[in-house]
Amino acid sequence: MQDEPTPEELIQAVADFLRHEIAPEISGHHAFKLRVAINALDLVTRQLRLEQGSDAAEAARLTELLGGQTDPQNSLAELNRALADRIASGEADLQTPGLAAHLWQTTMDKLAVDQPNYASYKRELGEKDI
């Protein structure tokens, strides 16, 4: 694996080039398609930067919610399936200690990657609208 530039830096450089050098020269439907492509590159950059930490934190919360009764090799999807099964069976609900906080934090972590400019997300973080 190469040390530098990182995948995040490479993707961000392409997005910045498209945003600042190409986008001003394009109009109409092609400009729209270019904005979609730039947004996709920005999303991938955020995903690469944030996903590993948020996934690890989510897995730790899920393991705790499931009472530590999980195989350490379980994937995040398997842990989420186990929690979903408990919720579906009525074994867990919003009164279960830690569940509401887990769901909230997981949602916030996903918004940080997918839609960090949502006004409601920023408000929850204590940021002002730009």
N, C-alpha and C. Protein backbone atom coordinates (compact mmCIF):
# COMPACT_ATOMS: atom_id res chain seq x y z
N MET A 1 0.84 -1.17 0.00
CA MET A 1 0.00 0.00 0.00
C MET A 1 0.89 1.24 0.00
N GLN A 2 0.46 2.23 -0.70
CA GLN A 2 1.18 3.49 -0.76
C GLN A 2 0.90 4.31 0.49
N ASP A 3 1.87 5.13 0.89
CA ASP A 3 1.69 5.98 2.06
C ASP A 3 0.95 7.26 1.71
N GLU A 4 1.42 7.92 0.68
CA GLU A 4 0.79 9.18 0.29
C GLU A 4 0.81 9.31 -1.21
N PRO A 5 -0.16 9.89 -1.82
CA PRO A 5 -1.37 10.39 -1.18
C PRO A 5 -2.30 9.25 -0.78
N THR A 6 -3.09 9.52 0.23
CA THR A 6 -4.06 8.53 0.70
C THR A 6 -5.23 8.46 -0.29
N PRO A 7 -6.00 7.39 -0.25
CA PRO A 7 -7.18 7.33 -1.11
C PRO A 7 -8.10 8.54 -0.89
N GLU A 8 -8.26 8.95 0.36
CA GLU A 8 -9.11 10.11 0.65
C GLU A 8 -8.57 11.36 -0.05
N GLU A 9 -7.26 11.55 0.01
CA GLU A 9 -6.64 12.72 -0.62
C GLU A 9 -6.78 12.68 -2.14
N LEU A 10 -6.63 11.51 -2.72
CA LEU A 10 -6.78 11.38 -4.17
C LEU A 10 -8.21 11.70 -4.62
N ILE A 11 -9.16 11.13 -3.92
CA ILE A 11 -10.57 11.36 -4.29
C ILE A 11 -10.93 12.83 -4.09
N GLN A 12 -10.46 13.42 -2.98
CA GLN A 12 -10.75 14.82 -2.72
C GLN A 12 -10.11 15.72 -3.77
N ALA A 13 -8.92 15.38 -4.22
CA ALA A 13 -8.25 16.17 -5.27
C ALA A 13 -9.05 16.14 -6.57
N VAL A 14 -9.57 14.97 -6.93
CA VAL A 14 -10.40 14.86 -8.14
C VAL A 14 -11.67 15.68 -7.97
N ALA A 15 -12.32 15.56 -6.82
CA ALA A 15 -13.55 16.32 -6.57
C ALA A 15 -13.28 17.82 -6.64
N ASP A 16 -12.19 18.27 -6.03
CA ASP A 16 -11.86 19.69 -6.05
C ASP A 16 -11.56 20.18 -7.47
N PHE A 17 -10.83 19.37 -8.24
CA PHE A 17 -10.55 19.72 -9.63
C PHE A 17 -11.85 19.88 -10.41
N LEU A 18 -12.75 18.91 -10.29
CA LEU A 18 -14.02 18.98 -10.99
C LEU A 18 -14.84 20.18 -10.53
N ARG A 19 -14.86 20.40 -9.22
CA ARG A 19 -15.65 21.49 -8.64
C ARG A 19 -15.15 22.86 -9.09
N HIS A 20 -13.83 23.06 -9.07
CA HIS A 20 -13.27 24.39 -9.29
C HIS A 20 -12.80 24.66 -10.72
N GLU A 21 -12.41 23.61 -11.45
CA GLU A 21 -11.87 23.82 -12.79
C GLU A 21 -12.86 23.47 -13.90
N ILE A 22 -13.63 22.43 -13.70
CA ILE A 22 -14.52 21.96 -14.76
C ILE A 22 -15.94 22.51 -14.61
N ALA A 23 -16.47 22.47 -13.40
CA ALA A 23 -17.86 22.88 -13.17
C ALA A 23 -18.18 24.29 -13.67
N PRO A 24 -17.30 25.27 -13.47
CA PRO A 24 -17.64 26.61 -13.96
C PRO A 24 -17.80 26.70 -15.48
N GLU A 25 -17.28 25.73 -16.20
CA GLU A 25 -17.32 25.74 -17.66
C GLU A 25 -18.50 24.99 -18.25
N ILE A 26 -19.28 24.32 -17.39
CA ILE A 26 -20.36 23.45 -17.86
C ILE A 26 -21.70 23.99 -17.40
N SER A 27 -22.71 23.82 -18.25
CA SER A 27 -24.05 24.27 -17.86
C SER A 27 -25.08 23.22 -18.24
N GLY A 28 -26.31 23.47 -17.84
CA GLY A 28 -27.42 22.61 -18.20
C GLY A 28 -27.36 21.25 -17.54
N HIS A 29 -27.83 20.26 -18.27
CA HIS A 29 -27.94 18.90 -17.73
C HIS A 29 -26.58 18.32 -17.38
N HIS A 30 -25.57 18.65 -18.17
CA HIS A 30 -24.22 18.14 -17.87
C HIS A 30 -23.70 18.72 -16.55
N ALA A 31 -24.06 19.95 -16.25
CA ALA A 31 -23.66 20.56 -14.97
C ALA A 31 -24.31 19.81 -13.81
N PHE A 32 -25.57 19.46 -14.00
CA PHE A 32 -26.27 18.69 -12.96
C PHE A 32 -25.58 17.34 -12.75
N LYS A 33 -25.28 16.63 -13.84
CA LYS A 33 -24.62 15.34 -13.73
C LYS A 33 -23.25 15.48 -13.06
N LEU A 34 -22.54 16.56 -13.37
CA LEU A 34 -21.24 16.79 -12.75
C LEU A 34 -21.39 17.02 -11.25
N ARG A 35 -22.41 17.79 -10.83
CA ARG A 35 -22.64 18.01 -9.40
C ARG A 35 -22.95 16.70 -8.69
N VAL A 36 -23.71 15.83 -9.34
CA VAL A 36 -24.01 14.51 -8.77
C VAL A 36 -22.70 13.72 -8.60
N ALA A 37 -21.84 13.75 -9.61
CA ALA A 37 -20.56 13.03 -9.53
C ALA A 37 -19.68 13.60 -8.42
N ILE A 38 -19.62 14.91 -8.30
CA ILE A 38 -18.81 15.55 -7.25
C ILE A 38 -19.36 15.18 -5.87
N ASN A 39 -20.68 15.19 -5.73
CA ASN A 39 -21.28 14.81 -4.45
C ASN A 39 -20.96 13.35 -4.12
N ALA A 40 -20.95 12.48 -5.12
CA ALA A 40 -20.61 11.07 -4.88
C ALA A 40 -19.15 10.95 -4.41
N LEU A 41 -18.26 11.69 -5.03
CA LEU A 41 -16.86 11.66 -4.61
C LEU A 41 -16.70 12.20 -3.18
N ASP A 42 -17.42 13.26 -2.86
CA ASP A 42 -17.38 13.81 -1.50
C ASP A 42 -17.89 12.79 -0.49
N LEU A 43 -18.96 12.08 -0.84
CA LEU A 43 -19.52 11.06 0.05
C LEU A 43 -18.52 9.93 0.27
N VAL A 44 -17.86 9.47 -0.79
CA VAL A 44 -16.88 8.40 -0.65
C VAL A 44 -15.72 8.86 0.23
N THR A 45 -15.31 10.11 0.08
CA THR A 45 -14.23 10.64 0.92
C THR A 45 -14.62 10.61 2.39
N ARG A 46 -15.84 11.06 2.69
CA ARG A 46 -16.31 11.04 4.08
C ARG A 46 -16.42 9.60 4.58
N GLN A 47 -16.88 8.71 3.71
CA GLN A 47 -17.03 7.31 4.11
C GLN A 47 -15.67 6.71 4.47
N LEU A 48 -14.68 6.95 3.65
CA LEU A 48 -13.34 6.43 3.93
C LEU A 48 -12.77 7.00 5.23
N ARG A 49 -13.06 8.28 5.47
CA ARG A 49 -12.51 8.96 6.64
C ARG A 49 -13.22 8.55 7.94
N LEU A 50 -14.52 8.34 7.89
CA LEU A 50 -15.32 8.17 9.11
C LEU A 50 -15.82 6.76 9.38
N GLU A 51 -15.97 5.96 8.35
CA GLU A 51 -16.69 4.70 8.50
C GLU A 51 -16.02 3.72 9.46
N GLN A 52 -14.72 3.57 9.38
CA GLN A 52 -14.06 2.58 10.24
C GLN A 52 -14.29 2.88 11.72
N GLY A 53 -14.13 4.12 12.13
CA GLY A 53 -14.34 4.48 13.53
C GLY A 53 -15.78 4.35 13.95
N SER A 54 -16.70 4.82 13.10
CA SER A 54 -18.11 4.73 13.48
C SER A 54 -18.59 3.29 13.48
N ASP A 55 -18.09 2.47 12.56
CA ASP A 55 -18.47 1.05 12.56
C ASP A 55 -17.97 0.34 13.81
N ALA A 56 -16.75 0.65 14.22
CA ALA A 56 -16.19 0.02 15.43
C ALA A 56 -17.00 0.42 16.66
N ALA A 57 -17.36 1.71 16.74
CA ALA A 57 -18.16 2.18 17.88
C ALA A 57 -19.55 1.55 17.86
N GLU A 58 -20.14 1.42 16.67
CA GLU A 58 -21.46 0.80 16.56
C GLU A 58 -21.40 -0.67 16.99
N ALA A 59 -20.37 -1.38 16.55
CA ALA A 59 -20.23 -2.79 16.93
C ALA A 59 -20.07 -2.93 18.43
N ALA A 60 -19.31 -2.03 19.05
CA ALA A 60 -19.13 -2.09 20.51
C ALA A 60 -20.45 -1.85 21.22
N ARG A 61 -21.22 -0.86 20.75
CA ARG A 61 -22.53 -0.59 21.37
C ARG A 61 -23.46 -1.78 21.20
N LEU A 62 -23.47 -2.36 20.00
CA LEU A 62 -24.33 -3.52 19.75
C LEU A 62 -23.95 -4.70 20.63
N THR A 63 -22.66 -4.95 20.76
CA THR A 63 -22.20 -6.05 21.61
C THR A 63 -22.67 -5.84 23.04
N GLU A 64 -22.59 -4.60 23.51
CA GLU A 64 -23.06 -4.30 24.87
C GLU A 64 -24.57 -4.48 24.98
N LEU A 65 -25.31 -3.96 23.99
CA LEU A 65 -26.77 -4.10 24.01
C LEU A 65 -27.20 -5.57 23.98
N LEU A 66 -26.44 -6.38 23.29
CA LEU A 66 -26.77 -7.80 23.16
C LEU A 66 -26.23 -8.61 24.33
N GLY A 67 -25.72 -7.90 25.34
CA GLY A 67 -25.27 -8.56 26.56
C GLY A 67 -23.97 -9.30 26.41
N GLY A 68 -23.17 -8.90 25.42
CA GLY A 68 -21.89 -9.56 25.23
C GLY A 68 -22.03 -10.99 24.74
N GLN A 69 -23.24 -11.39 24.37
CA GLN A 69 -23.50 -12.77 23.95
C GLN A 69 -23.33 -12.91 22.44
N THR A 70 -22.25 -12.35 21.93
CA THR A 70 -22.02 -12.43 20.50
C THR A 70 -20.64 -12.98 20.23
N ASP A 71 -20.49 -13.56 19.08
CA ASP A 71 -19.19 -14.04 18.63
C ASP A 71 -18.38 -12.82 18.19
N PRO A 72 -17.16 -12.67 18.67
CA PRO A 72 -16.35 -11.52 18.28
C PRO A 72 -16.13 -11.42 16.77
N GLN A 73 -16.35 -12.52 16.07
CA GLN A 73 -16.17 -12.53 14.62
C GLN A 73 -17.42 -12.08 13.87
N ASN A 74 -18.52 -11.83 14.61
CA ASN A 74 -19.75 -11.40 13.95
C ASN A 74 -19.53 -10.08 13.22
N SER A 75 -20.10 -10.01 12.04
CA SER A 75 -20.02 -8.77 11.27
C SER A 75 -21.01 -7.76 11.84
N LEU A 76 -20.84 -6.53 11.45
CA LEU A 76 -21.77 -5.48 11.88
C LEU A 76 -23.18 -5.82 11.42
N ALA A 77 -23.32 -6.35 10.23
CA ALA A 77 -24.64 -6.74 9.72
C ALA A 77 -25.26 -7.83 10.61
N GLU A 78 -24.46 -8.79 11.05
CA GLU A 78 -24.98 -9.86 11.91
C GLU A 78 -25.40 -9.31 13.27
N LEU A 79 -24.61 -8.38 13.81
CA LEU A 79 -24.98 -7.77 15.09
C LEU A 79 -26.28 -6.98 14.95
N ASN A 80 -26.41 -6.23 13.87
CA ASN A 80 -27.65 -5.48 13.65
C ASN A 80 -28.84 -6.41 13.47
N ARG A 81 -28.63 -7.52 12.78
CA ARG A 81 -29.71 -8.50 12.60
C ARG A 81 -30.13 -9.06 13.95
N ALA A 82 -29.17 -9.35 14.83
CA ALA A 82 -29.50 -9.89 16.16
C ALA A 82 -30.31 -8.87 16.95
N LEU A 83 -29.93 -7.60 16.88
CA LEU A 83 -30.70 -6.57 17.59
C LEU A 83 -32.09 -6.43 16.97
N ALA A 84 -32.17 -6.42 15.65
CA ALA A 84 -33.47 -6.32 14.98
C ALA A 84 -34.37 -7.48 15.38
N ASP A 85 -33.80 -8.68 15.48
CA ASP A 85 -34.59 -9.84 15.90
C ASP A 85 -35.13 -9.65 17.32
N ARG A 86 -34.30 -9.11 18.21
CA ARG A 86 -34.76 -8.87 19.59
C ARG A 86 -35.87 -7.82 19.62
N ILE A 87 -35.73 -6.79 18.80
CA ILE A 87 -36.77 -5.76 18.75
C ILE A 87 -38.06 -6.36 18.18
N ALA A 88 -37.94 -7.13 17.11
CA ALA A 88 -39.12 -7.74 16.47
C ALA A 88 -39.84 -8.70 17.41
N SER A 89 -39.08 -9.40 18.24
CA SER A 89 -39.70 -10.36 19.16
C SER A 89 -40.25 -9.71 20.41
N GLY A 90 -39.97 -8.40 20.60
CA GLY A 90 -40.43 -7.71 21.79
C GLY A 90 -39.47 -7.84 22.95
N GLU A 91 -38.35 -8.51 22.73
CA GLU A 91 -37.35 -8.70 23.78
C GLU A 91 -36.61 -7.39 24.10
N ALA A 92 -36.59 -6.47 23.12
CA ALA A 92 -35.97 -5.15 23.32
C ALA A 92 -36.89 -4.09 22.74
N ASP A 93 -36.91 -2.92 23.39
CA ASP A 93 -37.67 -1.79 22.89
C ASP A 93 -36.98 -0.51 23.37
N LEU A 94 -37.60 0.63 23.14
CA LEU A 94 -36.96 1.90 23.49
C LEU A 94 -36.76 2.08 24.99
N GLN A 95 -37.38 1.22 25.78
CA GLN A 95 -37.16 1.27 27.23
C GLN A 95 -35.91 0.46 27.63
N THR A 96 -35.38 -0.32 26.70
CA THR A 96 -34.17 -1.10 26.97
C THR A 96 -33.01 -0.13 27.19
N PRO A 97 -32.33 -0.22 28.32
CA PRO A 97 -31.24 0.71 28.60
C PRO A 97 -30.19 0.73 27.47
N GLY A 98 -29.94 1.92 26.99
CA GLY A 98 -28.92 2.13 25.97
C GLY A 98 -29.41 2.03 24.54
N LEU A 99 -30.59 1.46 24.31
CA LEU A 99 -31.05 1.26 22.93
C LEU A 99 -31.33 2.58 22.22
N ALA A 100 -32.08 3.48 22.84
CA ALA A 100 -32.39 4.75 22.19
C ALA A 100 -31.11 5.54 21.90
N ALA A 101 -30.20 5.56 22.85
CA ALA A 101 -28.93 6.27 22.65
C ALA A 101 -28.13 5.64 21.51
N HIS A 102 -28.15 4.32 21.44
CA HIS A 102 -27.44 3.64 20.35
C HIS A 102 -28.04 4.00 19.00
N LEU A 103 -29.35 3.95 18.90
CA LEU A 103 -30.02 4.27 17.64
C LEU A 103 -29.74 5.71 17.23
N TRP A 104 -29.77 6.61 18.20
CA TRP A 104 -29.51 8.02 17.92
C TRP A 104 -28.07 8.22 17.42
N GLN A 105 -27.11 7.63 18.12
CA GLN A 105 -25.71 7.80 17.73
C GLN A 105 -25.43 7.17 16.37
N THR A 106 -26.03 6.02 16.11
CA THR A 106 -25.85 5.37 14.81
C THR A 106 -26.40 6.25 13.70
N THR A 107 -27.56 6.85 13.94
CA THR A 107 -28.15 7.76 12.96
C THR A 107 -27.24 8.97 12.73
N MET A 108 -26.74 9.55 13.79
CA MET A 108 -25.85 10.72 13.66
C MET A 108 -24.58 10.35 12.91
N ASP A 109 -24.02 9.18 13.19
CA ASP A 109 -22.81 8.75 12.49
C ASP A 109 -23.07 8.55 11.00
N LYS A 110 -24.22 8.02 10.67
CA LYS A 110 -24.55 7.81 9.26
C LYS A 110 -24.80 9.14 8.56
N LEU A 111 -25.44 10.08 9.25
CA LEU A 111 -25.64 11.41 8.66
C LEU A 111 -24.33 12.14 8.45
N ALA A 112 -23.35 11.92 9.33
CA ALA A 112 -22.04 12.55 9.17
C ALA A 112 -21.40 12.16 7.84
N VAL A 113 -21.69 10.96 7.39
CA VAL A 113 -21.16 10.51 6.10
C VAL A 113 -22.08 10.94 4.96
N ASP A 114 -23.36 10.66 5.11
CA ASP A 114 -24.29 10.83 4.00
C ASP A 114 -24.74 12.28 3.78
N GLN A 115 -25.10 12.98 4.84
CA GLN A 115 -25.68 14.32 4.69
C GLN A 115 -25.20 15.27 5.79
N PRO A 116 -23.92 15.58 5.86
CA PRO A 116 -23.42 16.40 6.96
C PRO A 116 -23.89 17.86 6.91
N ASN A 117 -24.52 18.25 5.83
CA ASN A 117 -25.00 19.63 5.73
C ASN A 117 -26.48 19.79 6.03
N TYR A 118 -27.17 18.70 6.40
CA TYR A 118 -28.57 18.82 6.79
C TYR A 118 -28.68 19.77 7.97
N ALA A 119 -29.62 20.68 7.89
CA ALA A 119 -29.80 21.67 8.96
C ALA A 119 -30.09 20.99 10.30
N SER A 120 -30.93 19.97 10.31
CA SER A 120 -31.27 19.29 11.56
C SER A 120 -30.05 18.59 12.15
N TYR A 121 -29.22 18.02 11.30
CA TYR A 121 -28.00 17.37 11.77
C TYR A 121 -27.07 18.40 12.41
N LYS A 122 -26.89 19.52 11.73
CA LYS A 122 -26.03 20.57 12.25
C LYS A 122 -26.58 21.11 13.57
N ARG A 123 -27.88 21.25 13.64
CA ARG A 123 -28.50 21.76 14.87
C ARG A 123 -28.21 20.81 16.03
N GLU A 124 -28.32 19.52 15.77
CA GLU A 124 -28.03 18.55 16.83
C GLU A 124 -26.56 18.59 17.27
N LEU A 125 -25.70 18.95 16.34
CA LEU A 125 -24.28 19.07 16.69
C LEU A 125 -23.96 20.41 17.33
N GLY A 126 -24.95 21.31 17.32
CA GLY A 126 -24.74 22.63 17.91
C GLY A 126 -24.10 23.61 16.94
N GLU A 127 -24.15 23.30 15.64
CA GLU A 127 -23.58 24.20 14.64
C GLU A 127 -24.65 25.14 14.11
N LYS A 128 -24.22 26.26 13.63
CA LYS A 128 -25.13 27.21 13.00
C LYS A 128 -25.25 26.87 11.52
N ASP A 129 -26.42 27.18 10.95
CA ASP A 129 -26.60 27.01 9.51
C ASP A 129 -25.63 27.93 8.78
N ILE A 130 -25.14 27.42 7.68
CA ILE A 130 -24.21 28.24 6.87
C ILE A 130 -24.97 28.85 5.73
